[in-house]
Amino acid sequence: MLFRTKLFGKTYEFKDVKEVLAKANERKSGDEGAGVAAKSAEERVAAKVVLAEMPMWVLRANPVVPYEDDEVTRVIDDDLDAAAYAKVKDWTVGELRAWILDEKTTTEQIQAISPGLTGEMSAAVAKLCTNLDLILGAKKIPCVVKNTCTCGLPGRLSARLQPNHPTDNVDAIRAEIYEGMAYVQGDQVWGINPSIDTVENLMKLYDMMWDIKQKWNVPAGICNLGHVSTQMECMKKGAPVGQVFQSICGTEGGLKSFGVTVAMLDEAYELGKKHCYAGPNFMYFETGEGTELSAYSHNGADQLTLEARKHGLARRYKPMGVNSVVGFIGPEYLYDGMEIIRAGLEDHFCGKLMGIPLGLDNCYTNHVRADQNTIELMMAADVAAGCNYHMSVPLGDDVMLSYQCASYHDTPSCWYTFGLRPAPEYEKWAEDLGLMKDGKLTDKAGDASFFLKR
């Protein structure tokens, strides 16, 4: 299907939908490295013009990986809500963008069409948006979910307590959890990235977190971010699992590079129904632009479109949380701070438009052109856009994964700046302990020894 437009006195041709989507994307180093990006600003604008006039049904009929070749494509298309799709299938991308941003369009109206959108559709809309458009659009689409806490409510901002350690030292991780609790962190999930992905090690970490949870009566969902197959074995052995994790991709080839299939995710979902101690939402996924390219499984598609396809896959499992680890993969995919900020806003908008609860790991690696100011600016923009949660690690420095992130202190700063609070169940727990009052931290907060003195 050839697309053609005349602009700036020159005719631009695009061989198919996949090329239009790629060249309409904002500049990303990964797309340039893959050879799919626009060669000039003029070509990018021409692609956006073509994309703005493209009907939704064309995007569904032309996924960036063919239906017959890819199980992710099949999951997204087969699970599509026919009634919701029928409402928008004849709209153009430009019309859908304008409708979402129209102040007369309500949250309920947007949520009604979300189940009828594919990843290609949501990514297409994002490509026509400015950063402020992405903030405004996402803000209109809250996504409320429930595990041990109710997250995503208006006026609330949650955090994942991320207490990692290079050798999974139980005492060190316990100390990190206590410090996070002192800052009232962890209402989204307590999530450890284990460096040793064995059933024996994960069982030890589950037991340690469960002991803390029980001793202090914390409404926390506990999770070990090992491979999903390891977590399944732990569930079968009776581990106290609150949430089930897996990193996912937007193509079948990408999933296989992680040692994962849709059937495996389906199995984990069914096990979680039986064994997870909280719900109804208990699946937890992580994503990030560039994953498929790094696994040589991008099929010539751009990073944002593939990211949005991950959201379509995640939607199948009614997740508690999905977050883009937006700056973790490095400058080969997102070159500098502005590309990272743009990607974070895109990912959040697309996820919310697809109807899933998006959080962000506002982060960067030490070899990218970004710094702490970059991710704090991104965090502020994400919070303004209504993100469900973000990461929270000691001093903003993850000593196991070796990247920079948001700190335990940053979430309270965002609560204060934007007039927000943690999830209601977590806030009540903190108030009962005297760590919060009237939505603000008390003088007792921030001191981890509080949990050692009693």
Protein backbone atom coordinates (compact mmCIF):
# COMPACT_ATOMS: atom_id res chain seq x y z
CA MET A 1 0.00 0.00 0.00
CA LEU A 2 1.81 3.11 -1.27
CA PHE A 3 1.26 6.49 0.39
CA ARG A 4 2.18 9.77 -1.26
CA THR A 5 1.97 13.45 -0.29
CA LYS A 6 3.33 16.66 -1.76
CA LEU A 7 4.93 19.06 0.70
CA PHE A 8 7.46 21.88 0.47
CA GLY A 9 7.36 21.56 -3.32
CA LYS A 10 8.46 17.92 -3.15
CA THR A 11 6.61 14.62 -3.40
CA TYR A 12 7.22 12.14 -0.57
CA GLU A 13 6.43 8.45 -0.95
CA PHE A 14 6.09 5.80 1.75
CA LYS A 15 5.90 2.15 0.76
CA ASP A 16 3.61 0.96 3.55
CA VAL A 17 1.95 1.75 6.89
CA LYS A 18 5.01 0.60 8.83
CA GLU A 19 7.21 3.14 7.05
CA VAL A 20 4.71 5.95 7.65
CA LEU A 21 4.59 5.13 11.37
CA ALA A 22 8.37 4.97 11.65
CA LYS A 23 9.07 8.19 9.81
CA ALA A 24 6.32 10.11 11.60
CA ASN A 25 8.00 9.36 14.92
CA GLU A 26 9.93 11.99 16.82
CA ARG A 27 13.69 11.65 16.59
CA LYS A 28 15.10 8.60 18.42
CA SER A 29 18.65 7.31 18.16
CA GLY A 30 17.37 3.73 18.07
CA ASP A 31 15.17 4.37 15.05
CA GLU A 32 18.07 6.06 13.33
CA GLY A 33 20.36 3.14 14.13
CA ALA A 34 17.78 0.72 12.76
CA GLY A 35 17.56 2.74 9.54
CA VAL A 36 13.81 3.35 9.83
CA ALA A 37 13.75 7.03 10.89
CA ALA A 38 12.95 10.02 8.71
CA LYS A 39 16.00 11.31 6.87
CA SER A 40 15.04 14.95 7.45
CA ALA A 41 12.63 17.13 9.38
CA GLU A 42 10.72 17.68 6.14
CA GLU A 43 10.25 13.97 5.60
CA ARG A 44 9.10 13.59 9.20
CA VAL A 45 6.46 16.28 8.69
CA ALA A 46 5.34 14.65 5.43
CA ALA A 47 4.91 11.32 7.21
CA LYS A 48 2.86 13.02 9.94
CA VAL A 49 0.61 14.57 7.28
CA VAL A 50 -0.02 11.14 5.74
CA LEU A 51 -0.55 9.57 9.16
CA ALA A 52 -3.04 12.25 10.24
CA GLU A 53 -5.27 11.30 7.30
CA MET A 54 -5.03 7.53 7.84
CA PRO A 55 -8.19 5.74 9.05
CA MET A 56 -8.06 3.43 12.06
CA TRP A 57 -9.11 0.42 10.00
CA VAL A 58 -6.01 0.78 7.84
CA LEU A 59 -3.79 0.60 10.94
CA ARG A 60 -5.59 -2.52 12.16
CA ALA A 61 -5.38 -4.17 8.76
CA ASN A 62 -1.64 -3.47 8.50
CA PRO A 63 0.09 -4.33 11.79
CA VAL A 64 3.85 -3.81 11.80
CA VAL A 65 4.30 -7.58 12.24
CA PRO A 66 1.82 -9.69 10.21
CA TYR A 67 -0.95 -11.56 12.02
CA GLU A 68 0.07 -14.93 10.62
CA ASP A 69 3.70 -14.47 11.71
CA ASP A 70 3.40 -13.14 15.25
CA GLU A 71 1.53 -14.24 18.37
CA VAL A 72 1.60 -10.75 19.90
CA THR A 73 -0.24 -9.42 16.85
CA ARG A 74 -2.76 -12.26 17.14
CA VAL A 75 -3.38 -11.64 20.86
CA ILE A 76 -4.00 -7.93 20.32
CA ASP A 77 -6.26 -8.42 17.30
CA ASP A 78 -8.19 -11.40 18.65
CA ASP A 79 -8.84 -9.70 22.00
CA LEU A 80 -10.06 -6.45 20.42
CA ASP A 81 -13.49 -5.33 21.57
CA ALA A 82 -15.63 -5.30 18.41
CA ALA A 83 -18.14 -2.73 19.65
CA ALA A 84 -15.43 -0.30 20.79
CA TYR A 85 -13.52 -0.73 17.53
CA ALA A 86 -16.66 -0.08 15.50
CA LYS A 87 -16.95 3.38 17.08
CA VAL A 88 -13.57 4.52 15.77
CA LYS A 89 -12.64 2.36 12.79
CA ASP A 90 -13.54 5.04 10.24
CA TRP A 91 -11.95 7.92 12.15
CA THR A 92 -8.62 9.23 10.97
CA VAL A 93 -5.67 9.46 13.33
CA GLY A 94 -5.96 13.23 13.27
CA GLU A 95 -9.63 13.08 14.17
CA LEU A 96 -8.99 10.72 17.08
CA ARG A 97 -6.23 12.98 18.42
CA ALA A 98 -8.45 16.05 18.23
CA TRP A 99 -11.33 14.20 19.92
CA ILE A 100 -9.16 13.01 22.81
CA LEU A 101 -7.80 16.49 23.45
CA ASP A 102 -11.20 18.21 23.12
CA GLU A 103 -12.24 19.48 26.55
CA LYS A 104 -15.79 18.26 25.84
CA THR A 105 -14.59 14.65 25.51
CA THR A 106 -14.90 12.90 28.86
CA THR A 107 -12.84 10.26 30.61
CA GLU A 108 -15.71 7.79 30.28
CA GLN A 109 -15.94 8.35 26.53
CA ILE A 110 -12.22 7.70 26.03
CA GLN A 111 -12.30 4.61 28.25
CA ALA A 112 -15.21 3.28 26.18
CA ILE A 113 -13.10 3.17 23.00
CA SER A 114 -9.84 1.98 24.61
CA PRO A 115 -10.60 -1.76 24.25
CA GLY A 116 -11.03 -1.22 20.51
CA LEU A 117 -7.54 0.17 19.91
CA THR A 118 -4.45 -1.68 18.77
CA GLY A 119 -0.91 -0.64 19.61
CA GLU A 120 -0.46 0.79 16.12
CA MET A 121 -3.49 3.03 16.64
CA SER A 122 -2.42 4.44 20.00
CA ALA A 123 1.15 4.97 18.80
CA ALA A 124 -0.13 6.76 15.70
CA VAL A 125 -2.02 9.27 17.85
CA ALA A 126 1.02 9.86 20.05
CA LYS A 127 3.15 10.64 17.00
CA LEU A 128 0.87 13.58 16.20
CA CYS A 129 1.05 14.98 19.74
CA THR A 130 3.34 17.54 21.29
CA ASN A 131 4.68 16.84 24.77
CA LEU A 132 1.93 18.98 26.30
CA ASP A 133 -0.68 17.11 24.23
CA LEU A 134 0.64 13.85 25.69
CA ILE A 135 0.37 15.23 29.23
CA LEU A 136 -3.14 16.59 28.68
CA GLY A 137 -4.39 13.44 26.96
CA ALA A 138 -3.02 11.03 29.55
CA LYS A 139 -4.33 13.17 32.42
CA LYS A 140 -7.85 12.60 31.09
CA ILE A 141 -7.52 8.80 31.31
CA PRO A 142 -7.02 7.58 34.90
CA CYS A 143 -6.74 3.83 35.33
CA VAL A 144 -7.77 2.55 38.76
CA VAL A 145 -6.54 -0.89 39.83
CA LYS A 146 -6.54 -2.86 43.10
CA ASN A 147 -4.08 -5.28 44.67
CA THR A 148 -3.43 -4.70 48.38
CA CYS A 149 -3.90 -0.99 47.69
CA THR A 150 -6.13 0.92 45.29
CA CYS A 151 -3.85 2.77 42.88
CA GLY A 152 -4.53 5.24 40.09
CA LEU A 153 -7.24 7.19 41.89
CA PRO A 154 -7.37 10.93 41.14
CA GLY A 155 -5.32 12.87 43.68
CA ARG A 156 -3.06 9.90 44.41
CA LEU A 157 0.50 9.00 43.41
CA SER A 158 1.99 5.63 44.28
CA ALA A 159 5.52 4.26 44.27
CA ARG A 160 7.25 0.95 43.83
CA LEU A 161 9.62 0.32 46.72
CA GLN A 162 12.71 -1.08 44.94
CA PRO A 163 15.16 -2.44 47.55
CA ASN A 164 17.83 -4.10 45.39
CA HIS A 165 21.22 -5.46 46.44
CA PRO A 166 24.11 -6.80 44.29
CA THR A 167 24.27 -10.13 46.18
CA ASP A 168 20.68 -10.29 47.45
CA ASN A 169 21.87 -9.85 51.01
CA VAL A 170 18.74 -10.31 53.10
CA ASP A 171 19.80 -7.99 55.93
CA ALA A 172 20.72 -5.20 53.52
CA ILE A 173 17.45 -5.51 51.62
CA ARG A 174 15.50 -5.55 54.88
CA ALA A 175 17.20 -2.27 55.87
CA GLU A 176 16.29 -0.73 52.50
CA ILE A 177 12.67 -1.79 52.95
CA TYR A 178 12.51 -0.25 56.41
CA GLU A 179 13.90 3.02 55.09
CA GLY A 180 11.36 3.01 52.25
CA MET A 181 8.56 2.29 54.69
CA ALA A 182 9.72 5.23 56.80
CA TYR A 183 9.09 7.46 53.77
CA VAL A 184 5.72 5.70 53.16
CA GLN A 185 6.92 4.12 49.92
CA GLY A 186 5.63 0.90 48.41
CA ASP A 187 1.88 1.20 47.95
CA GLN A 188 2.18 0.08 44.33
CA VAL A 189 4.42 -2.90 45.11
CA TRP A 190 7.50 -3.99 47.01
CA GLY A 191 9.59 -5.25 44.12
CA ILE A 192 13.07 -6.78 44.39
CA ASN A 193 15.21 -7.34 41.29
CA PRO A 194 17.04 -10.50 42.39
CA SER A 195 20.59 -10.97 41.18
CA ILE A 196 20.28 -14.73 41.75
CA ASP A 197 17.26 -16.08 39.87
CA THR A 198 16.70 -19.41 41.61
CA VAL A 199 13.66 -20.80 43.38
CA GLU A 200 15.64 -21.16 46.60
CA ASN A 201 16.81 -17.54 46.58
CA LEU A 202 13.42 -16.11 45.64
CA MET A 203 11.72 -18.15 48.38
CA LYS A 204 14.13 -16.64 50.90
CA LEU A 205 13.33 -13.12 49.70
CA TYR A 206 9.58 -13.75 49.68
CA ASP A 207 9.74 -15.02 53.27
CA MET A 208 11.74 -11.98 54.42
CA MET A 209 9.28 -9.53 52.84
CA TRP A 210 6.31 -11.45 54.20
CA ASP A 211 7.73 -11.34 57.72
CA ILE A 212 8.03 -7.54 57.52
CA LYS A 213 4.58 -7.20 56.01
CA GLN A 214 3.00 -9.31 58.74
CA LYS A 215 4.92 -7.76 61.63
CA TRP A 216 3.95 -4.22 60.65
CA ASN A 217 0.59 -5.05 59.06
CA VAL A 218 1.59 -3.30 55.84
CA PRO A 219 -0.91 -3.35 52.94
CA ALA A 220 1.90 -4.19 50.50
CA GLY A 221 1.97 -6.40 47.45
CA ILE A 222 5.29 -8.24 47.45
CA CYS A 223 7.05 -9.32 44.27
CA ASN A 224 10.37 -10.76 43.12
CA LEU A 225 11.24 -9.70 39.61
CA GLY A 226 12.83 -12.97 38.62
CA HIS A 227 11.88 -14.82 35.45
CA VAL A 228 8.18 -15.66 35.40
CA SER A 229 8.97 -19.38 35.27
CA THR A 230 10.91 -19.11 38.54
CA GLN A 231 8.04 -17.23 40.17
CA MET A 232 5.60 -19.92 39.02
CA GLU A 233 7.66 -22.58 40.77
CA CYS A 234 7.68 -20.45 43.90
CA MET A 235 3.90 -20.12 43.80
CA LYS A 236 3.57 -23.90 43.49
CA LYS A 237 5.74 -24.22 46.61
CA GLY A 238 3.46 -21.88 48.57
CA ALA A 239 5.46 -18.64 48.43
CA PRO A 240 3.55 -15.54 49.64
CA VAL A 241 3.27 -13.88 46.22
CA GLY A 242 1.38 -10.62 45.90
CA GLN A 243 2.21 -9.78 42.29
CA VAL A 244 3.62 -11.77 39.35
CA PHE A 245 6.24 -10.09 37.17
CA GLN A 246 7.66 -10.37 33.68
CA SER A 247 9.36 -8.06 31.19
CA ILE A 248 7.55 -8.24 27.86
CA CYS A 249 8.10 -7.33 24.21
CA GLY A 250 5.96 -6.14 21.32
CA THR A 251 6.91 -9.00 19.01
CA GLU A 252 6.95 -12.78 19.30
CA GLY A 253 10.67 -12.79 18.57
CA GLY A 254 11.29 -10.33 21.38
CA LEU A 255 9.34 -12.47 23.83
CA LYS A 256 11.36 -15.52 22.81
CA SER A 257 14.58 -13.61 23.51
CA PHE A 258 13.31 -13.30 27.10
CA GLY A 259 12.47 -16.99 27.21
CA VAL A 260 8.75 -16.19 27.28
CA THR A 261 5.68 -17.07 25.24
CA VAL A 262 2.07 -15.97 25.45
CA ALA A 263 1.19 -19.46 26.65
CA MET A 264 3.66 -19.06 29.53
CA LEU A 265 2.13 -15.71 30.49
CA ASP A 266 -1.33 -17.27 30.33
CA GLU A 267 -0.16 -20.03 32.66
CA ALA A 268 1.32 -17.52 35.11
CA TYR A 269 -1.94 -15.55 35.07
CA GLU A 270 -3.96 -18.66 35.93
CA LEU A 271 -1.52 -19.61 38.71
CA GLY A 272 -1.74 -16.08 40.07
CA LYS A 273 -5.51 -16.37 40.28
CA LYS A 274 -5.07 -19.37 42.55
CA HIS A 275 -2.06 -18.36 44.62
CA CYS A 276 -1.65 -14.57 44.82
CA TYR A 277 -2.86 -13.27 48.19
CA ALA A 278 -4.24 -10.02 46.74
CA GLY A 279 -6.18 -8.85 43.72
CA PRO A 280 -8.10 -8.72 41.48
CA ASN A 281 -5.11 -7.13 39.70
CA PHE A 282 -1.83 -8.96 40.30
CA MET A 283 0.21 -9.07 37.09
CA TYR A 284 3.15 -6.66 36.82
CA PHE A 285 4.97 -5.95 33.54
CA GLU A 286 7.96 -3.84 32.57
CA THR A 287 8.62 -2.47 29.11
CA GLY A 288 10.93 0.03 27.42
CA GLU A 289 11.45 1.52 23.97
CA GLY A 290 14.20 -0.27 22.07
CA THR A 291 13.78 -3.73 23.58
CA GLU A 292 12.92 -5.43 20.30
CA LEU A 293 15.74 -3.72 18.40
CA SER A 294 18.23 -4.89 21.01
CA ALA A 295 16.95 -8.45 20.46
CA TYR A 296 17.07 -8.15 16.63
CA SER A 297 13.31 -8.73 16.57
CA HIS A 298 11.91 -5.32 15.61
CA ASN A 299 10.87 -6.35 12.08
CA GLY A 300 11.76 -2.93 10.71
CA ALA A 301 9.27 -1.13 12.96
CA ASP A 302 9.91 1.92 15.14
CA GLN A 303 10.39 1.85 18.90
CA LEU A 304 7.23 3.66 19.93
CA THR A 305 4.90 1.47 17.88
CA LEU A 306 6.49 -1.67 19.30
CA GLU A 307 6.20 -0.21 22.81
CA ALA A 308 2.48 0.38 22.33
CA ARG A 309 2.09 -3.21 21.14
CA LYS A 310 3.47 -4.29 24.54
CA HIS A 311 0.58 -2.38 26.10
CA GLY A 312 -1.84 -4.35 23.95
CA LEU A 313 -0.31 -7.61 25.16
CA ALA A 314 -0.32 -6.47 28.80
CA ARG A 315 -4.02 -5.55 28.56
CA ARG A 316 -4.86 -9.26 28.18
CA TYR A 317 -3.89 -9.84 31.84
CA LYS A 318 -5.64 -6.91 33.59
CA PRO A 319 -2.34 -5.86 35.22
CA MET A 320 -1.81 -4.06 38.50
CA GLY A 321 1.07 -2.15 36.98
CA VAL A 322 2.96 -1.67 33.75
CA ASN A 323 5.98 0.58 33.66
CA SER A 324 8.37 1.73 31.01
CA VAL A 325 11.93 1.56 32.29
CA VAL A 326 12.38 4.45 29.97
CA GLY A 327 16.05 5.41 30.26
CA PHE A 328 17.54 2.06 31.24
CA ILE A 329 18.45 0.65 27.87
CA GLY A 330 21.02 3.30 26.95
CA PRO A 331 21.96 5.95 24.35
CA GLU A 332 21.86 3.46 21.48
CA TYR A 333 18.07 3.70 21.73
CA LEU A 334 17.36 7.02 23.48
CA TYR A 335 20.36 9.27 23.02
CA ASP A 336 19.89 12.05 25.56
CA GLY A 337 17.62 13.59 28.16
CA MET A 338 15.14 15.09 25.70
CA GLU A 339 14.67 11.77 23.90
CA ILE A 340 14.17 10.03 27.25
CA ILE A 341 11.59 12.60 28.39
CA ARG A 342 9.72 12.36 25.10
CA ALA A 343 9.69 8.56 25.23
CA GLY A 344 8.41 8.56 28.81
CA LEU A 345 5.51 10.83 27.94
CA GLU A 346 4.69 8.79 24.83
CA ASP A 347 4.76 5.49 26.70
CA HIS A 348 2.54 6.82 29.48
CA PHE A 349 0.01 8.30 27.05
CA CYS A 350 -0.16 5.17 24.89
CA GLY A 351 -0.58 2.88 27.87
CA LYS A 352 -3.38 4.94 29.38
CA LEU A 353 -5.08 5.21 25.98
CA MET A 354 -4.94 1.41 25.74
CA GLY A 355 -6.60 1.19 29.14
CA ILE A 356 -3.74 -0.07 31.31
CA PRO A 357 -2.19 1.39 34.50
CA LEU A 358 1.07 3.04 33.46
CA GLY A 359 3.89 3.98 35.75
CA LEU A 360 7.38 5.08 34.82
CA ASP A 361 10.87 4.29 35.91
CA ASN A 362 12.28 7.79 35.51
CA CYS A 363 15.88 6.75 35.06
CA TYR A 364 19.11 6.94 33.09
CA THR A 365 22.32 4.98 32.75
CA ASN A 366 25.67 6.61 33.41
CA HIS A 367 26.77 6.56 29.76
CA VAL A 368 23.80 8.55 28.42
CA ARG A 369 23.61 12.34 28.04
CA ALA A 370 21.29 12.89 30.99
CA ASP A 371 21.53 13.62 34.69
CA GLN A 372 19.41 13.80 37.82
CA ASN A 373 17.84 17.06 36.70
CA THR A 374 16.65 15.29 33.55
CA ILE A 375 14.76 12.59 35.37
CA GLU A 376 13.35 14.96 37.97
CA LEU A 377 11.94 17.09 35.14
CA MET A 378 10.54 13.96 33.54
CA MET A 379 9.06 12.87 36.86
CA ALA A 380 7.31 16.20 37.28
CA ALA A 381 5.88 15.97 33.75
CA ASP A 382 4.76 12.38 34.34
CA VAL A 383 3.06 13.28 37.61
CA ALA A 384 1.31 16.18 35.92
CA ALA A 385 0.12 13.67 33.30
CA GLY A 386 -1.39 11.48 36.02
CA CYS A 387 0.98 8.51 36.06
CA ASN A 388 -0.06 5.76 38.47
CA TYR A 389 3.36 5.34 40.08
CA HIS A 390 7.10 5.62 39.73
CA MET A 391 10.16 3.86 41.11
CA SER A 392 11.64 4.63 44.50
CA VAL A 393 15.17 3.49 45.43
CA PRO A 394 17.58 4.54 48.21
CA LEU A 395 19.18 7.90 47.29
CA GLY A 396 18.09 7.42 43.68
CA ASP A 397 20.99 5.03 43.06
CA ASP A 398 20.28 1.38 42.29
CA VAL A 399 23.44 -0.43 43.39
CA MET A 400 22.36 -3.73 41.84
CA LEU A 401 21.19 -2.60 38.41
CA SER A 402 23.78 0.23 38.25
CA TYR A 403 21.51 3.01 37.05
CA GLN A 404 20.14 6.26 38.44
CA CYS A 405 16.53 6.58 39.41
CA ALA A 406 14.03 8.40 41.63
CA SER A 407 14.68 8.33 45.37
CA TYR A 408 12.59 7.66 48.46
CA HIS A 409 12.58 11.42 49.00
CA ASP A 410 11.23 12.28 45.55
CA THR A 411 7.76 10.82 45.99
CA PRO A 412 6.93 12.96 49.06
CA SER A 413 8.27 15.96 47.14
CA CYS A 414 5.81 15.21 44.35
CA TRP A 415 2.97 14.70 46.84
CA TYR A 416 3.67 18.14 48.30
CA THR A 417 4.21 19.92 44.97
CA PHE A 418 1.13 18.54 43.24
CA GLY A 419 -1.20 18.17 46.22
CA LEU A 420 -1.23 14.38 46.04
CA ARG A 421 -1.25 11.48 48.52
CA PRO A 422 -0.35 7.79 48.53
CA ALA A 423 -3.01 5.12 47.99
CA PRO A 424 -5.72 5.41 50.67
CA GLU A 425 -4.96 2.03 52.29
CA TYR A 426 -1.26 2.89 52.58
CA GLU A 427 -1.99 6.36 53.88
CA LYS A 428 -4.20 4.92 56.63
CA TRP A 429 -1.44 2.47 57.59
CA ALA A 430 1.08 5.34 57.77
CA GLU A 431 -1.32 7.48 59.82
CA ASP A 432 -1.91 4.63 62.27
CA LEU A 433 1.87 4.48 62.84
CA GLY A 434 2.19 8.25 63.10
CA LEU A 435 4.25 8.57 59.90
CA MET A 436 1.66 10.74 58.13
CA LYS A 437 -0.99 13.21 59.16
CA ASP A 438 -3.39 15.12 56.93
CA GLY A 439 -1.58 13.85 53.84
CA LYS A 440 1.88 14.97 54.92
CA LEU A 441 4.85 13.20 56.46
CA THR A 442 5.35 13.76 60.18
CA ASP A 443 8.58 14.31 62.11
CA LYS A 444 8.75 10.54 62.68
CA ALA A 445 8.96 9.84 58.96
CA GLY A 446 12.23 9.16 57.16
CA ASP A 447 13.96 7.47 60.10
CA ALA A 448 14.34 3.73 59.42
CA SER A 449 15.28 3.10 63.05
CA PHE A 450 11.59 3.71 63.84
CA PHE A 451 11.04 0.09 62.82
CA LEU A 452 13.89 -1.19 64.98
CA LYS A 453 12.89 0.50 68.22
CA ARG A 454 9.54 -1.25 68.62
